[in-house]
Amino acid sequence: MALRHAVLAALLDEELSGYQLAKSFDLGVANFWHALPQQLYAELAKLESDGLVTGREVVQDSRPNKRLFQVTEAGLTELERFAAASAKPSFLRDDLLVKVQACDLIDTGEVIADLTERAAFAAAKVELFTSLLEKFRGDRSEEDFLRHGHRIGPYLTCLRGLAFEQGNRDWCERTAAVLRARQAKQVSPNSR
């Protein structure tokens, strides 16, 4: 997948400015694709140049003018072409896993600190995804929303983000606990 497909998918529901797109990416799309705001602005320019999105200038009285972007028919066709191609499996690349892999032969204090920090970050994301899911559903049950909701794609990707971050949080907490216990055992006088 290229950034262009993630941007096109983020623009499916409404016209967005580059700023709104960056905020939208942060809240929803970031659970499956990370991009910096500068990358998003550059991609919007490319997509517009390629005719996959169209932009229009909105004049504002008390603020600078802004451009709003929406997906064109060519953009929808590109998303359909992308969706028809087989998806490549994802791969996990994570510096923290390299540190844990080496934990038996290095000082684990910093690794434990990294695990604790990552667990806290994941816990915050779990809260965010949980509130987003509630916002998507409104007063409907999840089952009713998934059966009858207008657009369920963002909800389903948010569910994946939630499961991913719950897994991260749980693994980090458990791994930190194991390393703390081993560290305590190594320094206790009875272990010598």
N, C-alpha and C. Protein backbone atom coordinates (compact mmCIF):
# COMPACT_ATOMS: atom_id res chain seq x y z
N MET A 1 0.85 -1.18 0.00
CA MET A 1 0.00 0.00 0.00
C MET A 1 0.89 1.23 0.00
N ALA A 2 0.47 2.20 -0.74
CA ALA A 2 1.16 3.48 -0.74
C ALA A 2 0.37 4.47 0.10
N LEU A 3 1.03 5.53 0.49
CA LEU A 3 0.37 6.58 1.25
C LEU A 3 -0.85 7.11 0.50
N ARG A 4 -0.76 7.13 -0.84
CA ARG A 4 -1.87 7.67 -1.64
C ARG A 4 -3.17 6.93 -1.37
N HIS A 5 -3.10 5.63 -1.18
CA HIS A 5 -4.33 4.86 -0.94
C HIS A 5 -4.92 5.17 0.43
N ALA A 6 -4.06 5.35 1.41
CA ALA A 6 -4.54 5.71 2.74
C ALA A 6 -5.18 7.10 2.73
N VAL A 7 -4.60 8.03 1.98
CA VAL A 7 -5.16 9.38 1.87
C VAL A 7 -6.51 9.32 1.15
N LEU A 8 -6.57 8.59 0.06
CA LEU A 8 -7.85 8.46 -0.66
C LEU A 8 -8.92 7.87 0.25
N ALA A 9 -8.57 6.85 1.01
CA ALA A 9 -9.54 6.22 1.91
C ALA A 9 -9.99 7.21 2.99
N ALA A 10 -9.08 8.06 3.47
CA ALA A 10 -9.43 9.03 4.51
C ALA A 10 -10.36 10.12 3.99
N LEU A 11 -10.35 10.35 2.68
CA LEU A 11 -11.17 11.40 2.08
C LEU A 11 -12.52 10.89 1.56
N LEU A 12 -12.85 9.66 1.80
CA LEU A 12 -14.08 9.09 1.24
C LEU A 12 -15.36 9.70 1.81
N ASP A 13 -15.36 10.10 3.05
CA ASP A 13 -16.59 10.55 3.70
C ASP A 13 -16.91 12.02 3.51
N GLU A 14 -15.88 12.84 3.40
CA GLU A 14 -16.12 14.28 3.31
C GLU A 14 -14.91 15.00 2.76
N GLU A 15 -15.15 16.24 2.34
CA GLU A 15 -14.05 17.11 1.94
C GLU A 15 -13.25 17.47 3.19
N LEU A 16 -11.95 17.46 3.06
CA LEU A 16 -11.10 17.82 4.19
C LEU A 16 -9.99 18.75 3.72
N SER A 17 -9.59 19.64 4.59
CA SER A 17 -8.39 20.45 4.33
C SER A 17 -7.18 19.58 4.69
N GLY A 18 -6.00 20.05 4.35
CA GLY A 18 -4.79 19.32 4.74
C GLY A 18 -4.68 19.18 6.24
N TYR A 19 -5.03 20.25 6.96
CA TYR A 19 -4.99 20.22 8.42
C TYR A 19 -5.99 19.19 8.97
N GLN A 20 -7.21 19.21 8.44
CA GLN A 20 -8.23 18.25 8.89
C GLN A 20 -7.81 16.82 8.56
N LEU A 21 -7.19 16.65 7.39
CA LEU A 21 -6.71 15.32 7.00
C LEU A 21 -5.66 14.82 7.99
N ALA A 22 -4.75 15.71 8.39
CA ALA A 22 -3.71 15.32 9.35
C ALA A 22 -4.34 14.90 10.68
N LYS A 23 -5.35 15.64 11.14
CA LYS A 23 -6.04 15.29 12.39
C LYS A 23 -6.78 13.96 12.22
N SER A 24 -7.44 13.80 11.07
CA SER A 24 -8.17 12.56 10.78
C SER A 24 -7.21 11.38 10.76
N PHE A 25 -6.05 11.59 10.14
CA PHE A 25 -5.05 10.53 10.09
C PHE A 25 -4.62 10.14 11.48
N ASP A 26 -4.37 11.15 12.31
CA ASP A 26 -3.94 10.91 13.68
C ASP A 26 -4.94 10.07 14.45
N LEU A 27 -6.23 10.32 14.25
CA LEU A 27 -7.26 9.64 15.03
C LEU A 27 -7.66 8.29 14.46
N GLY A 28 -7.72 8.15 13.15
CA GLY A 28 -8.26 6.92 12.60
C GLY A 28 -7.28 6.13 11.76
N VAL A 29 -6.76 6.77 10.74
CA VAL A 29 -5.91 6.07 9.78
C VAL A 29 -4.59 5.65 10.40
N ALA A 30 -4.15 6.38 11.42
CA ALA A 30 -2.86 6.07 12.04
C ALA A 30 -2.81 4.68 12.64
N ASN A 31 -3.96 4.06 12.86
CA ASN A 31 -3.89 2.70 13.39
C ASN A 31 -3.46 1.69 12.34
N PHE A 32 -3.40 2.11 11.07
CA PHE A 32 -2.86 1.20 10.07
C PHE A 32 -1.87 1.86 9.12
N TRP A 33 -1.72 3.18 9.19
CA TRP A 33 -0.73 3.85 8.34
C TRP A 33 -0.29 5.14 9.01
N HIS A 34 1.00 5.29 9.24
CA HIS A 34 1.53 6.49 9.88
C HIS A 34 2.09 7.43 8.82
N ALA A 35 1.79 8.71 8.95
CA ALA A 35 2.36 9.72 8.05
C ALA A 35 2.48 11.03 8.80
N LEU A 36 3.52 11.76 8.50
CA LEU A 36 3.71 13.09 9.06
C LEU A 36 2.88 14.09 8.26
N PRO A 37 2.46 15.20 8.89
CA PRO A 37 1.67 16.19 8.16
C PRO A 37 2.32 16.65 6.84
N GLN A 38 3.64 16.83 6.85
CA GLN A 38 4.33 17.26 5.62
C GLN A 38 4.14 16.23 4.50
N GLN A 39 4.19 14.95 4.87
CA GLN A 39 3.98 13.90 3.87
C GLN A 39 2.56 13.95 3.31
N LEU A 40 1.60 14.24 4.18
CA LEU A 40 0.20 14.31 3.74
C LEU A 40 -0.01 15.47 2.77
N TYR A 41 0.56 16.63 3.08
CA TYR A 41 0.41 17.79 2.19
C TYR A 41 1.05 17.49 0.83
N ALA A 42 2.23 16.89 0.84
CA ALA A 42 2.90 16.54 -0.42
C ALA A 42 2.07 15.52 -1.20
N GLU A 43 1.50 14.55 -0.50
CA GLU A 43 0.69 13.53 -1.18
C GLU A 43 -0.59 14.13 -1.76
N LEU A 44 -1.21 15.06 -1.04
CA LEU A 44 -2.40 15.73 -1.57
C LEU A 44 -2.08 16.44 -2.88
N ALA A 45 -0.93 17.12 -2.94
CA ALA A 45 -0.52 17.81 -4.17
C ALA A 45 -0.34 16.82 -5.31
N LYS A 46 0.29 15.68 -5.03
CA LYS A 46 0.48 14.65 -6.06
C LYS A 46 -0.86 14.08 -6.53
N LEU A 47 -1.73 13.78 -5.57
CA LEU A 47 -3.04 13.22 -5.91
C LEU A 47 -3.85 14.20 -6.76
N GLU A 48 -3.75 15.48 -6.43
CA GLU A 48 -4.48 16.48 -7.22
C GLU A 48 -3.88 16.58 -8.62
N SER A 49 -2.57 16.57 -8.69
CA SER A 49 -1.89 16.61 -9.98
C SER A 49 -2.25 15.40 -10.85
N ASP A 50 -2.43 14.24 -10.21
CA ASP A 50 -2.80 13.01 -10.93
C ASP A 50 -4.30 12.91 -11.19
N GLY A 51 -5.08 13.87 -10.71
CA GLY A 51 -6.53 13.86 -10.94
C GLY A 51 -7.30 12.90 -10.05
N LEU A 52 -6.67 12.43 -8.97
CA LEU A 52 -7.33 11.48 -8.07
C LEU A 52 -8.12 12.18 -6.97
N VAL A 53 -7.76 13.43 -6.69
CA VAL A 53 -8.55 14.29 -5.80
C VAL A 53 -8.69 15.64 -6.48
N THR A 54 -9.69 16.36 -6.07
CA THR A 54 -9.85 17.73 -6.54
C THR A 54 -9.89 18.63 -5.33
N GLY A 55 -9.30 19.80 -5.47
CA GLY A 55 -9.27 20.74 -4.37
C GLY A 55 -9.99 22.02 -4.75
N ARG A 56 -10.58 22.63 -3.76
CA ARG A 56 -11.22 23.93 -4.01
C ARG A 56 -10.84 24.88 -2.89
N GLU A 57 -10.69 26.14 -3.27
CA GLU A 57 -10.31 27.19 -2.32
C GLU A 57 -11.54 27.67 -1.57
N VAL A 58 -11.41 27.78 -0.25
CA VAL A 58 -12.48 28.32 0.58
C VAL A 58 -11.96 29.61 1.20
N VAL A 59 -12.65 30.71 0.87
CA VAL A 59 -12.26 32.01 1.39
C VAL A 59 -12.86 32.17 2.78
N GLN A 60 -12.01 32.56 3.72
CA GLN A 60 -12.44 32.75 5.10
C GLN A 60 -12.15 34.19 5.51
N ASP A 61 -13.06 34.79 6.25
CA ASP A 61 -12.90 36.19 6.64
C ASP A 61 -11.81 36.41 7.68
N SER A 62 -11.90 35.70 8.79
CA SER A 62 -10.98 35.97 9.90
C SER A 62 -9.79 35.02 9.96
N ARG A 63 -9.69 34.15 8.99
CA ARG A 63 -8.59 33.19 8.96
C ARG A 63 -8.02 33.13 7.55
N PRO A 64 -6.84 32.53 7.41
CA PRO A 64 -6.31 32.36 6.05
C PRO A 64 -7.23 31.42 5.24
N ASN A 65 -7.26 31.62 3.94
CA ASN A 65 -8.04 30.73 3.07
C ASN A 65 -7.52 29.31 3.21
N LYS A 66 -8.39 28.36 2.92
CA LYS A 66 -7.97 26.95 2.99
C LYS A 66 -8.45 26.23 1.73
N ARG A 67 -7.81 25.10 1.47
CA ARG A 67 -8.22 24.25 0.35
C ARG A 67 -8.86 23.00 0.92
N LEU A 68 -10.00 22.64 0.36
CA LEU A 68 -10.68 21.40 0.73
C LEU A 68 -10.53 20.41 -0.41
N PHE A 69 -10.28 19.16 -0.05
CA PHE A 69 -10.03 18.12 -1.05
C PHE A 69 -11.10 17.04 -0.95
N GLN A 70 -11.44 16.48 -2.11
CA GLN A 70 -12.35 15.33 -2.15
C GLN A 70 -11.89 14.38 -3.24
N VAL A 71 -12.27 13.13 -3.09
CA VAL A 71 -11.88 12.09 -4.04
C VAL A 71 -12.69 12.26 -5.33
N THR A 72 -12.02 12.10 -6.47
CA THR A 72 -12.69 12.15 -7.77
C THR A 72 -13.10 10.74 -8.19
N GLU A 73 -13.81 10.64 -9.30
CA GLU A 73 -14.14 9.32 -9.84
C GLU A 73 -12.87 8.54 -10.16
N ALA A 74 -11.85 9.22 -10.68
CA ALA A 74 -10.57 8.54 -10.95
C ALA A 74 -9.94 8.03 -9.65
N GLY A 75 -10.13 8.80 -8.56
CA GLY A 75 -9.61 8.36 -7.26
C GLY A 75 -10.34 7.12 -6.76
N LEU A 76 -11.66 7.09 -6.95
CA LEU A 76 -12.43 5.89 -6.57
C LEU A 76 -12.00 4.70 -7.41
N THR A 77 -11.76 4.93 -8.69
CA THR A 77 -11.29 3.84 -9.57
C THR A 77 -9.94 3.32 -9.09
N GLU A 78 -9.05 4.24 -8.66
CA GLU A 78 -7.75 3.83 -8.14
C GLU A 78 -7.90 3.01 -6.86
N LEU A 79 -8.82 3.42 -5.99
CA LEU A 79 -9.07 2.63 -4.78
C LEU A 79 -9.64 1.25 -5.12
N GLU A 80 -10.51 1.18 -6.11
CA GLU A 80 -11.05 -0.12 -6.53
C GLU A 80 -9.93 -1.00 -7.09
N ARG A 81 -9.03 -0.42 -7.89
CA ARG A 81 -7.89 -1.17 -8.43
C ARG A 81 -7.02 -1.68 -7.29
N PHE A 82 -6.76 -0.81 -6.32
CA PHE A 82 -5.97 -1.19 -5.16
C PHE A 82 -6.64 -2.31 -4.38
N ALA A 83 -7.95 -2.19 -4.16
CA ALA A 83 -8.69 -3.20 -3.39
C ALA A 83 -8.71 -4.54 -4.11
N ALA A 84 -8.64 -4.53 -5.44
CA ALA A 84 -8.69 -5.78 -6.20
C ALA A 84 -7.35 -6.52 -6.16
N ALA A 85 -6.26 -5.81 -5.90
CA ALA A 85 -4.94 -6.45 -5.83
C ALA A 85 -4.83 -7.21 -4.51
N SER A 86 -4.08 -8.30 -4.53
CA SER A 86 -3.94 -9.07 -3.29
C SER A 86 -3.10 -8.29 -2.29
N ALA A 87 -3.50 -8.37 -1.03
CA ALA A 87 -2.81 -7.65 0.04
C ALA A 87 -1.56 -8.42 0.46
N LYS A 88 -0.48 -7.68 0.64
CA LYS A 88 0.75 -8.30 1.12
C LYS A 88 0.65 -8.49 2.64
N PRO A 89 1.23 -9.57 3.16
CA PRO A 89 1.20 -9.74 4.61
C PRO A 89 2.02 -8.64 5.28
N SER A 90 1.63 -8.26 6.47
CA SER A 90 2.38 -7.23 7.18
C SER A 90 3.50 -7.89 7.99
N PHE A 91 4.51 -7.12 8.26
CA PHE A 91 5.66 -7.60 9.02
C PHE A 91 5.90 -6.67 10.19
N LEU A 92 6.30 -7.23 11.30
CA LEU A 92 6.56 -6.47 12.50
C LEU A 92 8.04 -6.11 12.55
N ARG A 93 8.32 -4.81 12.59
CA ARG A 93 9.68 -4.31 12.77
C ARG A 93 9.62 -3.36 13.95
N ASP A 94 10.30 -3.72 15.02
CA ASP A 94 10.16 -2.94 16.24
C ASP A 94 11.47 -2.99 17.02
N ASP A 95 12.06 -1.83 17.25
CA ASP A 95 13.32 -1.76 18.01
C ASP A 95 13.18 -2.38 19.40
N LEU A 96 12.02 -2.20 20.00
CA LEU A 96 11.81 -2.73 21.36
C LEU A 96 11.93 -4.26 21.36
N LEU A 97 11.48 -4.91 20.33
CA LEU A 97 11.60 -6.37 20.26
C LEU A 97 13.06 -6.80 20.16
N VAL A 98 13.88 -6.02 19.49
CA VAL A 98 15.32 -6.33 19.41
C VAL A 98 15.93 -6.23 20.81
N LYS A 99 15.52 -5.20 21.56
CA LYS A 99 16.04 -5.04 22.92
C LYS A 99 15.62 -6.22 23.81
N VAL A 100 14.37 -6.63 23.69
CA VAL A 100 13.89 -7.75 24.50
C VAL A 100 14.59 -9.05 24.08
N GLN A 101 14.84 -9.20 22.79
CA GLN A 101 15.55 -10.38 22.30
C GLN A 101 16.92 -10.50 22.97
N ALA A 102 17.56 -9.36 23.23
CA ALA A 102 18.91 -9.35 23.81
C ALA A 102 18.90 -9.24 25.34
N CYS A 103 17.75 -9.27 25.96
CA CYS A 103 17.63 -8.96 27.40
C CYS A 103 18.43 -9.89 28.31
N ASP A 104 18.75 -11.07 27.87
CA ASP A 104 19.48 -12.00 28.74
C ASP A 104 20.93 -11.61 28.93
N LEU A 105 21.44 -10.78 28.02
CA LEU A 105 22.86 -10.44 28.07
C LEU A 105 23.13 -8.95 28.26
N ILE A 106 22.09 -8.16 28.47
CA ILE A 106 22.27 -6.72 28.66
C ILE A 106 21.56 -6.29 29.95
N ASP A 107 21.87 -5.07 30.39
CA ASP A 107 21.18 -4.50 31.55
C ASP A 107 19.73 -4.24 31.13
N THR A 108 18.79 -4.80 31.87
CA THR A 108 17.39 -4.71 31.47
C THR A 108 16.66 -3.48 32.03
N GLY A 109 17.33 -2.66 32.80
CA GLY A 109 16.67 -1.49 33.37
C GLY A 109 16.06 -0.58 32.31
N GLU A 110 16.81 -0.26 31.28
CA GLU A 110 16.29 0.60 30.21
C GLU A 110 15.21 -0.12 29.40
N VAL A 111 15.35 -1.41 29.22
CA VAL A 111 14.34 -2.18 28.49
C VAL A 111 13.02 -2.15 29.26
N ILE A 112 13.09 -2.33 30.56
CA ILE A 112 11.88 -2.27 31.40
C ILE A 112 11.24 -0.88 31.30
N ALA A 113 12.08 0.16 31.33
CA ALA A 113 11.55 1.53 31.20
C ALA A 113 10.86 1.72 29.85
N ASP A 114 11.47 1.21 28.78
CA ASP A 114 10.86 1.31 27.45
C ASP A 114 9.54 0.54 27.39
N LEU A 115 9.52 -0.64 27.99
CA LEU A 115 8.29 -1.45 28.01
C LEU A 115 7.17 -0.73 28.77
N THR A 116 7.54 -0.12 29.89
CA THR A 116 6.56 0.61 30.71
C THR A 116 6.01 1.80 29.94
N GLU A 117 6.89 2.52 29.26
CA GLU A 117 6.46 3.67 28.45
C GLU A 117 5.56 3.22 27.30
N ARG A 118 5.94 2.15 26.63
CA ARG A 118 5.14 1.64 25.51
C ARG A 118 3.78 1.15 26.00
N ALA A 119 3.74 0.51 27.16
CA ALA A 119 2.46 0.04 27.72
C ALA A 119 1.54 1.22 28.01
N ALA A 120 2.09 2.30 28.53
CA ALA A 120 1.28 3.49 28.83
C ALA A 120 0.76 4.12 27.54
N PHE A 121 1.59 4.18 26.51
CA PHE A 121 1.17 4.72 25.22
C PHE A 121 0.04 3.85 24.64
N ALA A 122 0.22 2.54 24.70
CA ALA A 122 -0.81 1.62 24.18
C ALA A 122 -2.11 1.76 24.97
N ALA A 123 -2.02 1.92 26.28
CA ALA A 123 -3.22 2.09 27.11
C ALA A 123 -3.97 3.36 26.72
N ALA A 124 -3.23 4.43 26.42
CA ALA A 124 -3.88 5.67 25.98
C ALA A 124 -4.56 5.47 24.63
N LYS A 125 -3.93 4.73 23.74
CA LYS A 125 -4.54 4.44 22.43
C LYS A 125 -5.79 3.57 22.59
N VAL A 126 -5.75 2.63 23.53
CA VAL A 126 -6.93 1.79 23.80
C VAL A 126 -8.10 2.68 24.19
N GLU A 127 -7.84 3.64 25.07
CA GLU A 127 -8.91 4.57 25.48
C GLU A 127 -9.42 5.37 24.29
N LEU A 128 -8.50 5.86 23.46
CA LEU A 128 -8.89 6.65 22.29
C LEU A 128 -9.74 5.82 21.33
N PHE A 129 -9.28 4.61 21.01
CA PHE A 129 -10.04 3.76 20.08
C PHE A 129 -11.40 3.38 20.65
N THR A 130 -11.45 3.14 21.96
CA THR A 130 -12.72 2.80 22.59
C THR A 130 -13.70 3.96 22.45
N SER A 131 -13.23 5.19 22.68
CA SER A 131 -14.14 6.34 22.55
C SER A 131 -14.52 6.59 21.10
N LEU A 132 -13.60 6.35 20.17
CA LEU A 132 -13.94 6.50 18.74
C LEU A 132 -15.01 5.50 18.33
N LEU A 133 -14.88 4.27 18.79
CA LEU A 133 -15.87 3.24 18.46
C LEU A 133 -17.24 3.63 18.99
N GLU A 134 -17.26 4.15 20.22
CA GLU A 134 -18.54 4.60 20.79
C GLU A 134 -19.13 5.74 19.99
N LYS A 135 -18.27 6.64 19.52
CA LYS A 135 -18.73 7.78 18.71
C LYS A 135 -19.29 7.29 17.37
N PHE A 136 -18.62 6.35 16.73
CA PHE A 136 -19.10 5.79 15.46
C PHE A 136 -20.49 5.17 15.64
N ARG A 137 -20.64 4.38 16.71
CA ARG A 137 -21.88 3.63 16.94
C ARG A 137 -23.04 4.50 17.37
N GLY A 138 -22.74 5.54 18.12
CA GLY A 138 -23.81 6.34 18.71
C GLY A 138 -24.52 5.51 19.76
N ASP A 139 -25.84 5.48 19.70
CA ASP A 139 -26.60 4.73 20.71
C ASP A 139 -26.91 3.31 20.26
N ARG A 140 -26.33 2.88 19.16
CA ARG A 140 -26.56 1.51 18.66
C ARG A 140 -25.63 0.51 19.34
N SER A 141 -26.06 -0.75 19.37
CA SER A 141 -25.15 -1.80 19.81
C SER A 141 -24.15 -2.05 18.67
N GLU A 142 -23.02 -2.66 19.01
CA GLU A 142 -22.04 -2.95 17.98
C GLU A 142 -22.63 -3.84 16.90
N GLU A 143 -23.35 -4.87 17.32
CA GLU A 143 -23.95 -5.80 16.36
C GLU A 143 -24.91 -5.08 15.40
N ASP A 144 -25.75 -4.20 15.93
CA ASP A 144 -26.69 -3.45 15.10
C ASP A 144 -25.95 -2.51 14.16
N PHE A 145 -24.93 -1.83 14.67
CA PHE A 145 -24.16 -0.91 13.83
C PHE A 145 -23.48 -1.66 12.69
N LEU A 146 -22.86 -2.80 13.01
CA LEU A 146 -22.16 -3.56 11.97
C LEU A 146 -23.12 -4.13 10.92
N ARG A 147 -24.33 -4.41 11.33
CA ARG A 147 -25.33 -4.92 10.39
C ARG A 147 -25.95 -3.83 9.52
N HIS A 148 -26.21 -2.67 10.14
CA HIS A 148 -27.02 -1.66 9.46
C HIS A 148 -26.35 -0.30 9.31
N GLY A 149 -25.16 -0.12 9.83
CA GLY A 149 -24.48 1.18 9.75
C GLY A 149 -24.16 1.55 8.31
N HIS A 150 -24.12 2.85 8.06
CA HIS A 150 -23.87 3.35 6.71
C HIS A 150 -22.45 3.02 6.23
N ARG A 151 -21.43 3.41 7.03
CA ARG A 151 -20.04 3.14 6.67
C ARG A 151 -19.39 2.39 7.83
N ILE A 152 -19.05 1.14 7.60
CA ILE A 152 -18.45 0.35 8.68
C ILE A 152 -16.95 0.18 8.53
N GLY A 153 -16.38 0.55 7.38
CA GLY A 153 -14.94 0.41 7.16
C GLY A 153 -14.11 1.08 8.23
N PRO A 154 -14.36 2.38 8.53
CA PRO A 154 -13.58 3.03 9.59
C PRO A 154 -13.77 2.36 10.94
N TYR A 155 -14.95 1.84 11.21
CA TYR A 155 -15.21 1.16 12.47
C TYR A 155 -14.38 -0.13 12.55
N LEU A 156 -14.38 -0.88 11.48
CA LEU A 156 -13.64 -2.15 11.46
C LEU A 156 -12.14 -1.92 11.60
N THR A 157 -11.61 -0.88 10.94
CA THR A 157 -10.17 -0.61 11.09
C THR A 157 -9.87 -0.12 12.50
N CYS A 158 -10.80 0.60 13.10
CA CYS A 158 -10.62 1.04 14.48
C CYS A 158 -10.63 -0.16 15.44
N LEU A 159 -11.48 -1.15 15.15
CA LEU A 159 -11.49 -2.38 15.95
C LEU A 159 -10.12 -3.06 15.88
N ARG A 160 -9.52 -3.08 14.69
CA ARG A 160 -8.20 -3.69 14.53
C ARG A 160 -7.15 -2.91 15.31
N GLY A 161 -7.25 -1.58 15.25
CA GLY A 161 -6.33 -0.75 16.02
C GLY A 161 -6.47 -1.00 17.51
N LEU A 162 -7.71 -1.15 17.97
CA LEU A 162 -7.96 -1.44 19.38
C LEU A 162 -7.33 -2.77 19.78
N ALA A 163 -7.57 -3.81 19.00
CA ALA A 163 -7.01 -5.13 19.30
C ALA A 163 -5.47 -5.08 19.30
N PHE A 164 -4.91 -4.36 18.33
CA PHE A 164 -3.45 -4.23 18.23
C PHE A 164 -2.88 -3.57 19.49
N GLU A 165 -3.49 -2.46 19.91
CA GLU A 165 -2.98 -1.74 21.07
C GLU A 165 -3.23 -2.49 22.36
N GLN A 166 -4.35 -3.22 22.46
CA GLN A 166 -4.57 -4.06 23.64
C GLN A 166 -3.49 -5.13 23.73
N GLY A 167 -3.17 -5.72 22.60
CA GLY A 167 -2.10 -6.73 22.56
C GLY A 167 -0.76 -6.13 22.94
N ASN A 168 -0.46 -4.94 22.42
CA ASN A 168 0.79 -4.26 22.78
C ASN A 168 0.86 -4.00 24.27
N ARG A 169 -0.21 -3.43 24.81
CA ARG A 169 -0.25 -3.10 26.25
C ARG A 169 -0.03 -4.36 27.09
N ASP A 170 -0.79 -5.40 26.78
CA ASP A 170 -0.71 -6.63 27.57
C ASP A 170 0.67 -7.27 27.48
N TRP A 171 1.24 -7.33 26.28
CA TRP A 171 2.56 -7.93 26.11
C TRP A 171 3.62 -7.11 26.84
N CYS A 172 3.57 -5.79 26.71
CA CYS A 172 4.56 -4.94 27.37
C CYS A 172 4.48 -5.08 28.88
N GLU A 173 3.26 -5.07 29.42
CA GLU A 173 3.10 -5.21 30.88
C GLU A 173 3.63 -6.55 31.36
N ARG A 174 3.30 -7.61 30.65
CA ARG A 174 3.75 -8.94 31.07
C ARG A 174 5.27 -9.07 30.95
N THR A 175 5.82 -8.59 29.84
CA THR A 175 7.25 -8.70 29.62
C THR A 175 8.02 -7.89 30.66
N ALA A 176 7.55 -6.69 30.96
CA ALA A 176 8.20 -5.87 32.00
C ALA A 176 8.14 -6.57 33.35
N ALA A 177 7.00 -7.19 33.67
CA ALA A 177 6.86 -7.91 34.95
C ALA A 177 7.83 -9.09 35.02
N VAL A 178 7.96 -9.82 33.94
CA VAL A 178 8.89 -10.96 33.90
C VAL A 178 10.32 -10.46 34.10
N LEU A 179 10.70 -9.39 33.39
CA LEU A 179 12.06 -8.88 33.51
C LEU A 179 12.34 -8.31 34.91
N ARG A 180 11.34 -7.64 35.49
CA ARG A 180 11.50 -7.14 36.87
C ARG A 180 11.72 -8.30 37.84
N ALA A 181 10.93 -9.35 37.71
CA ALA A 181 11.05 -10.51 38.60
C ALA A 181 12.42 -11.16 38.45
N ARG A 182 12.89 -11.29 37.23
CA ARG A 182 14.21 -11.90 37.00
C ARG A 182 15.32 -11.00 37.54
N GLN A 183 15.14 -9.70 37.37
CA GLN A 183 16.12 -8.73 37.86
C GLN A 183 16.18 -8.79 39.39
N ALA A 184 15.04 -8.87 40.05
CA ALA A 184 14.99 -8.95 41.52
C ALA A 184 15.64 -10.24 42.01
N LYS A 185 15.43 -11.32 41.28
CA LYS A 185 16.00 -12.62 41.67
C LYS A 185 17.53 -12.58 41.56
N GLN A 186 18.04 -11.89 40.54
CA GLN A 186 19.48 -11.83 40.33
C GLN A 186 20.19 -11.05 41.42
N VAL A 187 19.54 -10.05 42.01
CA VAL A 187 20.21 -9.24 43.03
C VAL A 187 19.91 -9.70 44.45
N SER A 188 19.01 -10.64 44.61
CA SER A 188 18.70 -11.09 45.96
C SER A 188 19.85 -11.98 46.49
N PRO A 189 20.15 -11.89 47.77
CA PRO A 189 21.25 -12.65 48.33
C PRO A 189 21.02 -14.17 48.23
N ASN A 190 19.78 -14.61 48.20
CA ASN A 190 19.49 -16.03 48.12
C ASN A 190 19.79 -16.63 46.75
N SER A 191 19.97 -15.77 45.74
CA SER A 191 20.16 -16.31 44.40
C SER A 191 21.62 -16.60 44.11
N ARG A 192 22.51 -16.35 45.06
CA ARG A 192 23.94 -16.55 44.79
C ARG A 192 24.41 -17.89 45.15
